[in-house]
N, C-alpha and C. Protein backbone atom coordinates (compact mmCIF):
# COMPACT_ATOMS: atom_id res chain seq x y z
N MET A 1 103.01 96.70 76.49
CA MET A 1 103.87 98.66 76.72
C MET A 1 102.72 97.91 78.53
N LYS A 2 103.32 97.81 78.86
CA LYS A 2 103.25 98.28 80.87
C LYS A 2 102.87 99.63 81.28
N PHE A 3 101.63 99.67 81.65
CA PHE A 3 101.01 101.46 82.26
C PHE A 3 101.23 101.21 83.62
N VAL A 4 101.81 101.98 84.44
CA VAL A 4 100.56 101.83 85.73
C VAL A 4 99.76 102.42 86.25
N TYR A 5 98.78 101.26 86.89
CA TYR A 5 97.40 102.23 87.33
C TYR A 5 97.38 102.55 88.57
N ILE A 6 96.24 103.16 88.78
CA ILE A 6 96.21 103.43 91.03
C ILE A 6 94.68 103.67 90.92
N ILE A 7 94.35 102.46 91.89
CA ILE A 7 92.80 102.65 92.70
C ILE A 7 92.77 102.98 93.51
N GLU A 8 91.60 104.03 93.50
CA GLU A 8 91.01 104.55 94.79
C GLU A 8 89.69 104.29 95.05
N LYS A 9 89.78 103.93 96.46
CA LYS A 9 88.21 102.90 97.25
C LYS A 9 87.51 105.01 96.97
N ALA A 10 86.16 105.39 97.30
CA ALA A 10 85.72 106.60 96.90
C ALA A 10 84.68 106.46 98.76
N ASP A 11 84.22 107.68 98.93
CA ASP A 11 83.13 106.80 100.60
C ASP A 11 82.54 106.75 100.05
N ASP A 12 81.45 106.46 99.06
CA ASP A 12 80.45 105.97 99.20
C ASP A 12 80.44 103.98 97.85
N GLY A 13 81.90 103.79 98.62
CA GLY A 13 82.24 101.96 98.60
C GLY A 13 82.81 102.28 96.76
N SER A 14 82.04 102.73 96.44
CA SER A 14 82.70 102.61 94.66
C SER A 14 84.86 103.18 94.33
N TYR A 15 85.30 102.03 93.82
CA TYR A 15 86.64 102.55 93.22
C TYR A 15 86.48 103.25 92.00
N SER A 16 87.31 104.42 91.58
CA SER A 16 88.10 104.67 90.51
C SER A 16 89.77 103.82 89.92
N ALA A 17 89.69 104.85 89.26
CA ALA A 17 91.02 103.37 88.57
C ALA A 17 91.47 105.06 87.55
N TYR A 18 93.18 105.35 87.48
CA TYR A 18 93.50 106.26 86.50
C TYR A 18 94.80 105.75 86.27
N VAL A 19 95.60 105.99 85.46
CA VAL A 19 96.49 105.73 84.81
C VAL A 19 97.65 107.31 84.78
N PRO A 20 98.88 107.01 85.66
CA PRO A 20 99.39 108.08 85.38
C PRO A 20 100.30 108.91 84.03
N ASP A 21 99.69 107.90 83.87
CA ASP A 21 101.15 108.20 81.93
C ASP A 21 100.21 108.42 80.86
N LEU A 22 99.02 108.41 80.73
CA LEU A 22 98.36 108.28 79.83
C LEU A 22 96.18 109.77 80.61
N PRO A 23 96.88 111.17 81.05
CA PRO A 23 96.30 112.01 81.69
C PRO A 23 94.90 111.74 80.86
N GLY A 24 94.04 111.70 81.81
CA GLY A 24 92.41 111.65 81.43
C GLY A 24 91.79 110.03 81.06
N CYS A 25 92.73 108.98 81.42
CA CYS A 25 92.65 107.83 80.73
C CYS A 25 91.79 107.05 82.64
N THR A 26 90.64 106.88 82.90
CA THR A 26 90.29 106.87 83.99
C THR A 26 89.48 105.68 83.99
N THR A 27 88.49 105.17 84.85
CA THR A 27 87.46 104.24 84.99
C THR A 27 87.03 104.03 86.31
N CYS A 28 85.71 103.22 86.40
CA CYS A 28 84.84 102.86 87.33
C CYS A 28 84.52 102.16 87.98
N ALA A 29 84.23 101.84 89.10
CA ALA A 29 83.10 100.33 89.25
C ALA A 29 83.31 100.11 90.46
N ASP A 30 82.11 99.53 91.31
CA ASP A 30 81.74 99.18 91.84
C ASP A 30 82.83 98.21 93.67
N THR A 31 83.49 97.48 92.76
CA THR A 31 84.37 96.22 92.71
C THR A 31 86.10 96.71 92.36
N VAL A 32 87.04 96.41 93.09
CA VAL A 32 88.96 96.24 92.15
C VAL A 32 88.56 94.98 91.71
N ASP A 33 87.69 93.77 91.55
CA ASP A 33 88.20 93.37 90.28
C ASP A 33 87.36 93.37 89.35
N GLU A 34 86.34 94.53 89.01
CA GLU A 34 85.82 95.12 87.73
C GLU A 34 86.79 95.94 87.41
N ILE A 35 87.79 96.34 88.45
CA ILE A 35 88.23 97.88 88.01
C ILE A 35 89.23 97.09 87.31
N ARG A 36 90.00 95.96 88.02
CA ARG A 36 91.04 95.12 87.53
C ARG A 36 91.18 94.53 85.79
N ARG A 37 89.42 94.84 85.65
CA ARG A 37 88.84 94.46 84.42
C ARG A 37 89.56 95.06 83.40
N SER A 38 88.03 95.93 84.06
CA SER A 38 88.22 97.48 82.84
C SER A 38 88.77 99.15 82.27
N ILE A 39 90.31 97.92 83.72
CA ILE A 39 91.50 99.48 83.40
C ILE A 39 91.44 98.97 81.84
N LYS A 40 91.97 98.00 81.29
CA LYS A 40 92.49 97.17 80.63
C LYS A 40 91.83 97.92 78.99
N ASP A 41 91.01 98.20 78.96
CA ASP A 41 89.56 98.43 78.06
C ASP A 41 90.11 99.65 77.76
N ALA A 42 89.73 100.75 78.98
CA ALA A 42 89.98 101.93 79.46
C ALA A 42 91.43 102.41 78.45
N VAL A 43 92.22 101.41 78.77
CA VAL A 43 93.89 102.03 77.80
C VAL A 43 93.47 101.78 77.07
N ASP A 44 92.81 99.97 76.28
CA ASP A 44 93.31 99.79 75.01
C ASP A 44 92.93 101.40 74.40
N SER A 45 91.24 101.21 75.29
CA SER A 45 90.51 102.71 74.28
C SER A 45 90.92 103.86 73.50
N TYR A 46 91.92 104.51 74.97
CA TYR A 46 92.91 105.23 74.86
C TYR A 46 93.88 105.45 74.23
N LEU A 47 94.29 104.10 74.16
CA LEU A 47 95.78 103.81 72.31
C LEU A 47 94.98 104.17 71.53
N ASP A 48 94.10 103.54 71.56
CA ASP A 48 93.19 103.51 70.28
C ASP A 48 93.28 105.06 69.15
N SER A 49 92.48 105.88 70.49
CA SER A 49 91.90 107.23 70.46
C SER A 49 93.37 107.89 69.87
N LEU A 50 94.62 107.58 70.08
CA LEU A 50 96.12 108.68 69.91
C LEU A 50 95.82 107.68 68.47
N ARG A 51 96.76 106.65 68.09
CA ARG A 51 97.02 106.19 66.90
C ARG A 51 95.91 106.55 66.02
N GLU A 52 94.54 106.72 66.73
CA GLU A 52 93.45 107.82 65.32
C GLU A 52 93.81 108.89 65.46
N HIS A 53 93.48 109.36 65.44
CA HIS A 53 94.58 110.29 65.59
C HIS A 53 95.88 110.91 65.45
N GLN A 54 96.05 110.03 65.24
CA GLN A 54 98.08 110.83 64.66
C GLN A 54 99.17 110.35 65.85
N GLU A 55 98.98 111.00 66.88
CA GLU A 55 99.31 111.48 68.15
C GLU A 55 99.87 110.52 68.69
N PRO A 56 101.12 110.66 69.35
CA PRO A 56 102.38 110.12 69.75
C PRO A 56 101.98 108.67 71.30
N ILE A 57 102.25 107.90 71.30
CA ILE A 57 101.84 107.01 72.67
C ILE A 57 102.72 107.34 72.85
N PRO A 58 102.33 108.25 74.48
CA PRO A 58 103.36 108.30 75.67
C PRO A 58 104.75 106.74 76.90
N THR A 59 105.14 106.80 76.50
CA THR A 59 106.16 105.84 77.07
C THR A 59 105.72 105.97 78.83
N PRO A 60 105.89 104.61 78.81
CA PRO A 60 105.53 104.57 80.16
C PRO A 60 106.47 104.88 81.01
N SER A 61 106.50 106.05 82.39
CA SER A 61 107.84 106.59 82.78
C SER A 61 107.21 106.55 83.99
N SER A 62 106.15 106.26 84.44
CA SER A 62 105.61 105.79 85.95
C SER A 62 106.20 104.73 86.76
N VAL A 63 106.49 104.29 88.08
CA VAL A 63 107.00 103.74 89.19
C VAL A 63 106.08 103.22 90.29
N VAL A 64 106.29 102.01 90.06
CA VAL A 64 105.50 101.79 91.22
C VAL A 64 106.16 101.86 92.86
N GLU A 65 106.65 101.78 94.19
CA GLU A 65 106.98 101.67 95.03
C GLU A 65 106.34 101.71 96.28
N THR A 66 106.55 100.61 97.28
CA THR A 66 105.29 101.11 98.40
C THR A 66 106.53 101.52 99.19
N VAL A 67 105.70 102.70 100.76
CA VAL A 67 106.71 102.37 102.15
C VAL A 67 105.89 101.95 103.08
N GLU A 68 106.74 101.21 103.56
CA GLU A 68 106.09 100.74 105.19
C GLU A 68 105.79 101.33 106.48
N ALA A 69 105.11 101.47 106.94
CA ALA A 69 104.98 102.37 107.58
C ALA A 69 104.15 102.11 109.56
N ALA A 70 105.23 102.24 109.72
CA ALA A 70 104.40 101.83 111.87
C ALA A 70 103.33 102.16 111.98
């Protein structure tokens, strides 16, 4: 399963990431590289919790697109 995640930079220079298809699945770190490493752990933990509580695992449905602006 592949889930889309969004990385955002905060005013203080740190970063956070969230997974649109997994409400509440977030992580934060000081660098983008740290976010890339920690988001997998966040998703794995989230999915483990759903399985533990016998809740359905959402099907990934988010799509990534970009737009070029002038």
